Amino acid sequence: MLDPEAVERVDRSRMLDAVLRMGTVLEESLKSLEGLSLPFENPSTVVSAGMGGSAIAGEIIRCWLMYTSKTPVDVVRGYHLPAYVDEDSLVVAVSYSGETEETVSILAEALKRGCMTVAVSSGGTIEKLSKTVGTPWIPVPKGLQPRAALPHLLAAQAKVLEAVGVEIP
């Protein structure tokens, strides 16, 4: 058994608590997004764009759907979209802070290409850009350690895919 005082001394950011609550937080976040409606459907491809911890949810989705969905899912970490991404593609721009330079760049590029776009963040430039151009923005709670936001980022992407008709087992 872990000594709570010893854990507290080394886990000042309370990540152990966050990890232990991930299942519950994921369920709550999925419930909060029930009935999500988006203005487009049936993308030919899905690109989850993010960096660091924000890309992890996309990787989980990609691995989850790789053998069960006919819609390909790719994860892009960087400033630019692959050449195959077009107006029939869904780009989900994910940045917990909303300020990640690479993700902001990809969101702008997706909008310029006429892609179906959805943004996920706790605010920042991603929120502002989304609201300015009218692209759907899904807020996640502020004030978390970015790595502790994984259940919220995962729930948001899963519900986006469900809302646009991507087959999810």
N, C-alpha and C. Protein backbone atom coordinates (compact mmCIF):
# COMPACT_ATOMS: atom_id res chain seq x y z
N MET A 1 0.85 -1.18 0.00
CA MET A 1 0.00 0.00 0.00
C MET A 1 0.89 1.24 0.00
N LEU A 2 0.49 2.22 -0.75
CA LEU A 2 1.25 3.46 -0.83
C LEU A 2 1.00 4.30 0.41
N ASP A 3 2.07 4.89 0.91
CA ASP A 3 1.96 5.79 2.04
C ASP A 3 1.50 7.15 1.51
N PRO A 4 0.29 7.61 1.88
CA PRO A 4 -0.24 8.87 1.34
C PRO A 4 0.69 10.06 1.55
N GLU A 5 1.36 10.12 2.69
CA GLU A 5 2.27 11.25 2.95
C GLU A 5 3.48 11.20 2.02
N ALA A 6 4.00 10.00 1.79
CA ALA A 6 5.15 9.86 0.88
C ALA A 6 4.74 10.23 -0.55
N VAL A 7 3.56 9.80 -0.95
CA VAL A 7 3.07 10.14 -2.29
C VAL A 7 2.92 11.64 -2.42
N GLU A 8 2.34 12.28 -1.41
CA GLU A 8 2.13 13.73 -1.45
C GLU A 8 3.45 14.49 -1.56
N ARG A 9 4.49 13.98 -0.93
CA ARG A 9 5.79 14.65 -0.98
C ARG A 9 6.37 14.65 -2.40
N VAL A 10 6.15 13.58 -3.15
CA VAL A 10 6.75 13.49 -4.48
C VAL A 10 5.76 13.83 -5.60
N ASP A 11 4.48 13.83 -5.30
CA ASP A 11 3.45 14.07 -6.32
C ASP A 11 2.72 15.37 -6.02
N ARG A 12 3.45 16.46 -6.08
CA ARG A 12 2.87 17.76 -5.73
C ARG A 12 1.78 18.21 -6.70
N SER A 13 1.83 17.74 -7.94
CA SER A 13 0.80 18.12 -8.92
C SER A 13 -0.41 17.19 -8.85
N ARG A 14 -0.37 16.20 -7.97
CA ARG A 14 -1.49 15.27 -7.74
C ARG A 14 -1.85 14.46 -8.99
N MET A 15 -0.84 14.08 -9.73
CA MET A 15 -1.07 13.29 -10.94
C MET A 15 -1.61 11.90 -10.62
N LEU A 16 -1.21 11.32 -9.51
CA LEU A 16 -1.74 10.00 -9.15
C LEU A 16 -3.26 10.07 -9.01
N ASP A 17 -3.75 11.11 -8.35
CA ASP A 17 -5.20 11.28 -8.23
C ASP A 17 -5.84 11.43 -9.61
N ALA A 18 -5.21 12.21 -10.47
CA ALA A 18 -5.75 12.42 -11.82
C ALA A 18 -5.80 11.10 -12.59
N VAL A 19 -4.76 10.30 -12.48
CA VAL A 19 -4.72 9.01 -13.18
C VAL A 19 -5.79 8.08 -12.62
N LEU A 20 -5.94 8.04 -11.32
CA LEU A 20 -6.93 7.16 -10.70
C LEU A 20 -8.36 7.56 -11.06
N ARG A 21 -8.57 8.82 -11.39
CA ARG A 21 -9.91 9.31 -11.74
C ARG A 21 -10.18 9.32 -13.25
N MET A 22 -9.22 8.94 -14.05
CA MET A 22 -9.38 9.06 -15.51
C MET A 22 -10.62 8.35 -16.04
N GLY A 23 -10.91 7.16 -15.57
CA GLY A 23 -12.10 6.44 -16.04
C GLY A 23 -13.38 7.19 -15.74
N THR A 24 -13.49 7.68 -14.52
CA THR A 24 -14.67 8.45 -14.11
C THR A 24 -14.78 9.74 -14.91
N VAL A 25 -13.66 10.44 -15.06
CA VAL A 25 -13.66 11.70 -15.81
C VAL A 25 -14.03 11.45 -17.27
N LEU A 26 -13.55 10.37 -17.86
CA LEU A 26 -13.90 10.04 -19.24
C LEU A 26 -15.40 9.82 -19.37
N GLU A 27 -15.98 9.04 -18.46
CA GLU A 27 -17.43 8.80 -18.49
C GLU A 27 -18.21 10.10 -18.36
N GLU A 28 -17.80 10.95 -17.42
CA GLU A 28 -18.49 12.24 -17.22
C GLU A 28 -18.38 13.12 -18.46
N SER A 29 -17.20 13.15 -19.05
CA SER A 29 -16.98 13.99 -20.23
C SER A 29 -17.80 13.48 -21.42
N LEU A 30 -17.85 12.16 -21.59
CA LEU A 30 -18.67 11.58 -22.66
C LEU A 30 -20.14 11.95 -22.47
N LYS A 31 -20.62 11.86 -21.24
CA LYS A 31 -22.02 12.21 -20.95
C LYS A 31 -22.29 13.68 -21.24
N SER A 32 -21.34 14.54 -20.91
CA SER A 32 -21.55 15.98 -21.12
C SER A 32 -21.63 16.34 -22.61
N LEU A 33 -21.08 15.49 -23.46
CA LEU A 33 -21.09 15.74 -24.91
C LEU A 33 -22.17 14.95 -25.64
N GLU A 34 -23.01 14.27 -24.90
CA GLU A 34 -24.10 13.50 -25.50
C GLU A 34 -24.96 14.41 -26.37
N GLY A 35 -25.30 13.94 -27.54
CA GLY A 35 -26.15 14.73 -28.44
C GLY A 35 -25.41 15.79 -29.23
N LEU A 36 -24.08 15.75 -29.24
CA LEU A 36 -23.30 16.72 -30.02
C LEU A 36 -23.74 16.68 -31.48
N SER A 37 -24.00 17.84 -32.03
CA SER A 37 -24.42 17.96 -33.42
C SER A 37 -23.42 18.85 -34.16
N LEU A 38 -23.02 18.42 -35.34
CA LEU A 38 -22.08 19.19 -36.14
C LEU A 38 -22.66 19.41 -37.54
N PRO A 39 -22.22 20.48 -38.22
CA PRO A 39 -22.83 20.85 -39.51
C PRO A 39 -22.30 20.09 -40.72
N PHE A 40 -21.68 18.95 -40.52
CA PHE A 40 -21.17 18.17 -41.63
C PHE A 40 -21.16 16.70 -41.24
N GLU A 41 -20.98 15.82 -42.24
CA GLU A 41 -20.99 14.39 -41.94
C GLU A 41 -20.20 13.60 -42.97
N ASN A 42 -19.92 12.37 -42.60
CA ASN A 42 -19.28 11.38 -43.47
C ASN A 42 -17.97 11.84 -44.12
N PRO A 43 -16.97 12.19 -43.32
CA PRO A 43 -15.68 12.57 -43.91
C PRO A 43 -15.01 11.37 -44.57
N SER A 44 -14.22 11.66 -45.58
CA SER A 44 -13.47 10.58 -46.25
C SER A 44 -12.27 10.16 -45.41
N THR A 45 -11.70 11.10 -44.69
CA THR A 45 -10.57 10.85 -43.80
C THR A 45 -10.71 11.75 -42.59
N VAL A 46 -10.03 11.37 -41.52
CA VAL A 46 -10.01 12.18 -40.31
C VAL A 46 -8.55 12.43 -39.95
N VAL A 47 -8.24 13.69 -39.64
CA VAL A 47 -6.92 14.05 -39.16
C VAL A 47 -7.08 14.69 -37.79
N SER A 48 -6.40 14.12 -36.81
CA SER A 48 -6.33 14.71 -35.49
C SER A 48 -4.99 15.44 -35.42
N ALA A 49 -5.04 16.75 -35.22
CA ALA A 49 -3.83 17.56 -35.21
C ALA A 49 -3.55 18.04 -33.80
N GLY A 50 -2.37 17.76 -33.30
CA GLY A 50 -2.01 18.20 -31.96
C GLY A 50 -0.55 17.90 -31.68
N MET A 51 -0.08 18.43 -30.59
CA MET A 51 1.30 18.23 -30.18
C MET A 51 1.31 17.69 -28.75
N GLY A 52 2.38 17.00 -28.41
CA GLY A 52 2.56 16.53 -27.04
C GLY A 52 1.36 15.76 -26.52
N GLY A 53 0.93 16.11 -25.30
CA GLY A 53 -0.19 15.43 -24.67
C GLY A 53 -1.48 15.56 -25.44
N SER A 54 -1.64 16.64 -26.18
CA SER A 54 -2.87 16.83 -26.96
C SER A 54 -2.95 15.86 -28.14
N ALA A 55 -1.82 15.32 -28.57
CA ALA A 55 -1.82 14.34 -29.66
C ALA A 55 -2.13 12.93 -29.18
N ILE A 56 -1.99 12.69 -27.88
CA ILE A 56 -2.18 11.33 -27.36
C ILE A 56 -3.61 10.85 -27.59
N ALA A 57 -4.60 11.70 -27.38
CA ALA A 57 -5.99 11.29 -27.59
C ALA A 57 -6.20 10.89 -29.05
N GLY A 58 -5.61 11.62 -29.97
CA GLY A 58 -5.72 11.26 -31.38
C GLY A 58 -5.08 9.92 -31.68
N GLU A 59 -3.96 9.64 -31.04
CA GLU A 59 -3.29 8.34 -31.23
C GLU A 59 -4.16 7.21 -30.70
N ILE A 60 -4.81 7.43 -29.56
CA ILE A 60 -5.70 6.40 -29.01
C ILE A 60 -6.85 6.15 -29.98
N ILE A 61 -7.46 7.22 -30.49
CA ILE A 61 -8.55 7.08 -31.46
C ILE A 61 -8.07 6.35 -32.71
N ARG A 62 -6.91 6.74 -33.22
CA ARG A 62 -6.35 6.11 -34.42
C ARG A 62 -6.17 4.61 -34.22
N CYS A 63 -5.55 4.24 -33.11
CA CYS A 63 -5.32 2.81 -32.83
C CYS A 63 -6.64 2.06 -32.61
N TRP A 64 -7.58 2.70 -31.94
CA TRP A 64 -8.88 2.10 -31.65
C TRP A 64 -9.64 1.79 -32.94
N LEU A 65 -9.61 2.72 -33.89
CA LEU A 65 -10.42 2.58 -35.10
C LEU A 65 -9.70 1.93 -36.28
N MET A 66 -8.40 1.72 -36.15
CA MET A 66 -7.60 1.22 -37.26
C MET A 66 -8.16 -0.06 -37.89
N TYR A 67 -8.66 -0.96 -37.08
CA TYR A 67 -9.13 -2.24 -37.60
C TYR A 67 -10.65 -2.38 -37.56
N THR A 68 -11.34 -1.30 -37.19
CA THR A 68 -12.80 -1.41 -37.05
C THR A 68 -13.58 -0.40 -37.87
N SER A 69 -12.94 0.63 -38.36
CA SER A 69 -13.64 1.68 -39.10
C SER A 69 -13.10 1.76 -40.52
N LYS A 70 -13.97 2.02 -41.46
CA LYS A 70 -13.55 2.18 -42.85
C LYS A 70 -13.01 3.59 -43.12
N THR A 71 -13.19 4.50 -42.17
CA THR A 71 -12.68 5.87 -42.32
C THR A 71 -11.28 5.93 -41.73
N PRO A 72 -10.27 6.23 -42.55
CA PRO A 72 -8.91 6.32 -42.01
C PRO A 72 -8.75 7.51 -41.07
N VAL A 73 -8.00 7.28 -40.02
CA VAL A 73 -7.69 8.33 -39.04
C VAL A 73 -6.18 8.47 -38.99
N ASP A 74 -5.71 9.71 -39.07
CA ASP A 74 -4.28 9.98 -39.02
C ASP A 74 -4.04 11.02 -37.94
N VAL A 75 -2.86 11.02 -37.38
CA VAL A 75 -2.47 12.02 -36.38
C VAL A 75 -1.32 12.82 -36.97
N VAL A 76 -1.46 14.14 -36.93
CA VAL A 76 -0.42 15.02 -37.47
C VAL A 76 0.12 15.88 -36.34
N ARG A 77 1.43 15.82 -36.18
CA ARG A 77 2.15 16.67 -35.24
C ARG A 77 3.06 17.55 -36.09
N GLY A 78 2.74 18.82 -36.15
CA GLY A 78 3.56 19.71 -36.97
C GLY A 78 2.75 20.89 -37.45
N TYR A 79 3.30 21.60 -38.41
CA TYR A 79 2.70 22.85 -38.89
C TYR A 79 1.78 22.68 -40.09
N HIS A 80 1.88 21.55 -40.82
CA HIS A 80 1.17 21.44 -42.09
C HIS A 80 0.40 20.13 -42.21
N LEU A 81 -0.68 20.20 -42.96
CA LEU A 81 -1.50 19.03 -43.25
C LEU A 81 -0.89 18.24 -44.40
N PRO A 82 -1.12 16.93 -44.43
CA PRO A 82 -0.69 16.14 -45.58
C PRO A 82 -1.41 16.60 -46.85
N ALA A 83 -0.83 16.33 -48.00
CA ALA A 83 -1.38 16.77 -49.28
C ALA A 83 -2.76 16.18 -49.56
N TYR A 84 -3.05 14.98 -49.05
CA TYR A 84 -4.33 14.33 -49.33
C TYR A 84 -5.52 14.96 -48.60
N VAL A 85 -5.28 15.82 -47.65
CA VAL A 85 -6.36 16.42 -46.86
C VAL A 85 -7.06 17.49 -47.69
N ASP A 86 -8.39 17.34 -47.86
CA ASP A 86 -9.16 18.26 -48.69
C ASP A 86 -10.53 18.54 -48.06
N GLU A 87 -11.44 19.08 -48.86
CA GLU A 87 -12.75 19.49 -48.33
C GLU A 87 -13.60 18.31 -47.87
N ASP A 88 -13.23 17.09 -48.23
CA ASP A 88 -13.95 15.91 -47.75
C ASP A 88 -13.34 15.33 -46.48
N SER A 89 -12.28 15.97 -45.99
CA SER A 89 -11.59 15.51 -44.79
C SER A 89 -12.08 16.28 -43.57
N LEU A 90 -12.07 15.59 -42.44
CA LEU A 90 -12.35 16.23 -41.15
C LEU A 90 -11.03 16.45 -40.44
N VAL A 91 -10.77 17.68 -40.04
CA VAL A 91 -9.57 18.00 -39.26
C VAL A 91 -10.03 18.42 -37.87
N VAL A 92 -9.56 17.69 -36.86
CA VAL A 92 -9.85 18.02 -35.47
C VAL A 92 -8.57 18.61 -34.89
N ALA A 93 -8.59 19.91 -34.64
CA ALA A 93 -7.41 20.62 -34.11
C ALA A 93 -7.50 20.62 -32.59
N VAL A 94 -6.53 19.99 -31.94
CA VAL A 94 -6.57 19.79 -30.49
C VAL A 94 -5.37 20.44 -29.83
N SER A 95 -5.64 21.37 -28.93
CA SER A 95 -4.58 22.02 -28.15
C SER A 95 -5.17 22.34 -26.79
N TYR A 96 -4.70 21.67 -25.75
CA TYR A 96 -5.29 21.91 -24.44
C TYR A 96 -5.28 23.40 -24.11
N SER A 97 -4.15 24.06 -24.28
CA SER A 97 -4.05 25.48 -23.95
C SER A 97 -4.76 26.36 -24.96
N GLY A 98 -4.84 25.88 -26.19
CA GLY A 98 -5.38 26.70 -27.27
C GLY A 98 -4.35 27.61 -27.89
N GLU A 99 -3.11 27.48 -27.46
CA GLU A 99 -2.04 28.37 -27.93
C GLU A 99 -0.93 27.66 -28.68
N THR A 100 -1.04 26.38 -28.90
CA THR A 100 0.03 25.63 -29.55
C THR A 100 0.19 26.10 -31.00
N GLU A 101 1.35 26.65 -31.28
CA GLU A 101 1.62 27.28 -32.58
C GLU A 101 1.35 26.35 -33.76
N GLU A 102 1.81 25.11 -33.65
CA GLU A 102 1.64 24.16 -34.75
C GLU A 102 0.16 23.86 -34.99
N THR A 103 -0.60 23.70 -33.92
CA THR A 103 -2.02 23.37 -34.06
C THR A 103 -2.81 24.55 -34.61
N VAL A 104 -2.47 25.75 -34.18
CA VAL A 104 -3.11 26.95 -34.73
C VAL A 104 -2.83 27.03 -36.23
N SER A 105 -1.59 26.73 -36.63
CA SER A 105 -1.21 26.75 -38.05
C SER A 105 -2.03 25.73 -38.85
N ILE A 106 -2.17 24.53 -38.32
CA ILE A 106 -2.93 23.50 -39.02
C ILE A 106 -4.40 23.87 -39.11
N LEU A 107 -4.95 24.44 -38.04
CA LEU A 107 -6.36 24.86 -38.08
C LEU A 107 -6.56 25.90 -39.19
N ALA A 108 -5.66 26.87 -39.26
CA ALA A 108 -5.76 27.90 -40.30
C ALA A 108 -5.65 27.28 -41.69
N GLU A 109 -4.74 26.34 -41.85
CA GLU A 109 -4.57 25.68 -43.15
C GLU A 109 -5.81 24.86 -43.52
N ALA A 110 -6.38 24.16 -42.55
CA ALA A 110 -7.60 23.37 -42.80
C ALA A 110 -8.75 24.26 -43.23
N LEU A 111 -8.87 25.40 -42.59
CA LEU A 111 -9.93 26.35 -42.97
C LEU A 111 -9.70 26.87 -44.38
N LYS A 112 -8.45 27.17 -44.71
CA LYS A 112 -8.12 27.67 -46.05
C LYS A 112 -8.43 26.63 -47.13
N ARG A 113 -8.20 25.36 -46.81
CA ARG A 113 -8.47 24.28 -47.77
C ARG A 113 -9.96 23.93 -47.85
N GLY A 114 -10.76 24.48 -46.96
CA GLY A 114 -12.19 24.18 -46.96
C GLY A 114 -12.54 22.86 -46.31
N CYS A 115 -11.67 22.37 -45.44
CA CYS A 115 -11.93 21.11 -44.74
C CYS A 115 -13.06 21.27 -43.73
N MET A 116 -13.68 20.15 -43.39
CA MET A 116 -14.56 20.12 -42.24
C MET A 116 -13.64 20.28 -41.03
N THR A 117 -13.92 21.24 -40.16
CA THR A 117 -13.01 21.47 -39.04
C THR A 117 -13.77 21.55 -37.73
N VAL A 118 -13.12 21.03 -36.70
CA VAL A 118 -13.59 21.14 -35.32
C VAL A 118 -12.36 21.44 -34.49
N ALA A 119 -12.51 22.31 -33.51
CA ALA A 119 -11.40 22.64 -32.62
C ALA A 119 -11.74 22.23 -31.20
N VAL A 120 -10.73 21.79 -30.47
CA VAL A 120 -10.89 21.37 -29.08
C VAL A 120 -9.79 22.06 -28.28
N SER A 121 -10.18 22.83 -27.26
CA SER A 121 -9.19 23.51 -26.41
C SER A 121 -9.87 24.01 -25.14
N SER A 122 -9.06 24.54 -24.24
CA SER A 122 -9.61 25.17 -23.04
C SER A 122 -9.75 26.68 -23.23
N GLY A 123 -9.48 27.15 -24.43
CA GLY A 123 -9.58 28.59 -24.72
C GLY A 123 -8.50 29.00 -25.69
N GLY A 124 -7.95 30.19 -25.49
CA GLY A 124 -6.82 30.66 -26.27
C GLY A 124 -7.13 31.02 -27.71
N THR A 125 -6.08 31.06 -28.51
CA THR A 125 -6.18 31.42 -29.92
C THR A 125 -7.08 30.46 -30.68
N ILE A 126 -7.03 29.19 -30.34
CA ILE A 126 -7.88 28.19 -31.00
C ILE A 126 -9.35 28.56 -30.82
N GLU A 127 -9.75 28.91 -29.60
CA GLU A 127 -11.14 29.31 -29.35
C GLU A 127 -11.48 30.57 -30.16
N LYS A 128 -10.61 31.57 -30.07
CA LYS A 128 -10.87 32.84 -30.76
C LYS A 128 -11.00 32.65 -32.27
N LEU A 129 -10.07 31.91 -32.86
CA LEU A 129 -10.11 31.68 -34.31
C LEU A 129 -11.38 30.92 -34.68
N SER A 130 -11.71 29.91 -33.92
CA SER A 130 -12.92 29.11 -34.20
C SER A 130 -14.17 29.97 -34.17
N LYS A 131 -14.27 30.79 -33.15
CA LYS A 131 -15.46 31.64 -33.02
C LYS A 131 -15.50 32.71 -34.12
N THR A 132 -14.34 33.22 -34.50
CA THR A 132 -14.28 34.24 -35.55
C THR A 132 -14.76 33.70 -36.89
N VAL A 133 -14.36 32.48 -37.22
CA VAL A 133 -14.72 31.92 -38.53
C VAL A 133 -15.96 31.03 -38.49
N GLY A 134 -16.46 30.77 -37.28
CA GLY A 134 -17.68 29.97 -37.15
C GLY A 134 -17.48 28.47 -37.23
N THR A 135 -16.28 28.00 -36.95
CA THR A 135 -16.06 26.55 -36.91
C THR A 135 -16.41 26.03 -35.52
N PRO A 136 -16.95 24.84 -35.42
CA PRO A 136 -17.30 24.32 -34.10
C PRO A 136 -16.09 24.24 -33.17
N TRP A 137 -16.30 24.67 -31.94
CA TRP A 137 -15.27 24.64 -30.90
C TRP A 137 -15.83 23.89 -29.70
N ILE A 138 -15.09 22.91 -29.22
CA ILE A 138 -15.50 22.14 -28.05
C ILE A 138 -14.57 22.50 -26.90
N PRO A 139 -15.13 23.13 -25.86
CA PRO A 139 -14.29 23.51 -24.73
C PRO A 139 -14.02 22.33 -23.80
N VAL A 140 -12.83 22.33 -23.25
CA VAL A 140 -12.48 21.39 -22.19
C VAL A 140 -12.14 22.22 -20.96
N PRO A 141 -12.26 21.62 -19.77
CA PRO A 141 -12.05 22.40 -18.54
C PRO A 141 -10.65 23.02 -18.46
N LYS A 142 -10.62 24.25 -17.98
CA LYS A 142 -9.35 24.95 -17.75
C LYS A 142 -8.76 24.52 -16.41
N GLY A 143 -7.49 24.85 -16.21
CA GLY A 143 -6.85 24.69 -14.91
C GLY A 143 -6.29 23.32 -14.61
N LEU A 144 -6.27 22.43 -15.60
CA LEU A 144 -5.72 21.10 -15.38
C LEU A 144 -4.26 21.06 -15.83
N GLN A 145 -3.52 20.09 -15.33
CA GLN A 145 -2.24 19.79 -15.94
C GLN A 145 -2.60 19.28 -17.34
N PRO A 146 -1.96 19.77 -18.40
CA PRO A 146 -2.35 19.32 -19.74
C PRO A 146 -2.43 17.80 -19.89
N ARG A 147 -1.51 17.08 -19.28
CA ARG A 147 -1.55 15.62 -19.40
C ARG A 147 -2.74 15.02 -18.66
N ALA A 148 -3.28 15.74 -17.68
CA ALA A 148 -4.46 15.26 -16.96
C ALA A 148 -5.75 15.54 -17.73
N ALA A 149 -5.66 16.28 -18.82
CA ALA A 149 -6.83 16.59 -19.64
C ALA A 149 -7.14 15.47 -20.64
N LEU A 150 -6.32 14.43 -20.67
CA LEU A 150 -6.50 13.35 -21.64
C LEU A 150 -7.93 12.82 -21.72
N PRO A 151 -8.61 12.53 -20.62
CA PRO A 151 -9.97 12.00 -20.75
C PRO A 151 -10.92 12.98 -21.45
N HIS A 152 -10.76 14.27 -21.21
CA HIS A 152 -11.60 15.28 -21.86
C HIS A 152 -11.30 15.36 -23.35
N LEU A 153 -10.02 15.32 -23.71
CA LEU A 153 -9.62 15.39 -25.12
C LEU A 153 -10.06 14.14 -25.88
N LEU A 154 -9.96 13.00 -25.22
CA LEU A 154 -10.39 11.73 -25.83
C LEU A 154 -11.90 11.71 -26.03
N ALA A 155 -12.65 12.12 -25.01
CA ALA A 155 -14.11 12.15 -25.12
C ALA A 155 -14.55 13.09 -26.23
N ALA A 156 -13.93 14.26 -26.30
CA ALA A 156 -14.30 15.24 -27.33
C ALA A 156 -14.11 14.65 -28.72
N GLN A 157 -12.96 14.03 -28.96
CA GLN A 157 -12.71 13.48 -30.29
C GLN A 157 -13.62 12.30 -30.61
N ALA A 158 -13.87 11.45 -29.63
CA ALA A 158 -14.78 10.32 -29.87
C ALA A 158 -16.18 10.81 -30.22
N LYS A 159 -16.66 11.82 -29.51
CA LYS A 159 -18.00 12.34 -29.77
C LYS A 159 -18.07 13.10 -31.10
N VAL A 160 -16.99 13.76 -31.48
CA VAL A 160 -16.94 14.42 -32.79
C VAL A 160 -17.10 13.36 -33.88
N LEU A 161 -16.33 12.29 -33.79
CA LEU A 161 -16.40 11.25 -34.82
C LEU A 161 -17.78 10.61 -34.86
N GLU A 162 -18.35 10.36 -33.71
CA GLU A 162 -19.70 9.82 -33.65
C GLU A 162 -20.70 10.77 -34.32
N ALA A 163 -20.56 12.06 -34.04
CA ALA A 163 -21.49 13.07 -34.56
C ALA A 163 -21.42 13.20 -36.09
N VAL A 164 -20.26 12.93 -36.67
CA VAL A 164 -20.13 13.08 -38.13
C VAL A 164 -20.32 11.76 -38.86
N GLY A 165 -20.65 10.71 -38.14
CA GLY A 165 -20.98 9.44 -38.77
C GLY A 165 -19.84 8.48 -38.99
N VAL A 166 -18.70 8.71 -38.33
CA VAL A 166 -17.61 7.74 -38.42
C VAL A 166 -18.00 6.53 -37.57
N GLU A 167 -17.87 5.35 -38.16
CA GLU A 167 -18.24 4.12 -37.46
C GLU A 167 -17.33 3.91 -36.25
N ILE A 168 -17.97 3.85 -35.08
CA ILE A 168 -17.24 3.62 -33.83
C ILE A 168 -17.83 2.39 -33.16
N PRO A 169 -16.99 1.39 -32.87
CA PRO A 169 -17.53 0.16 -32.25
C PRO A 169 -18.01 0.40 -30.82
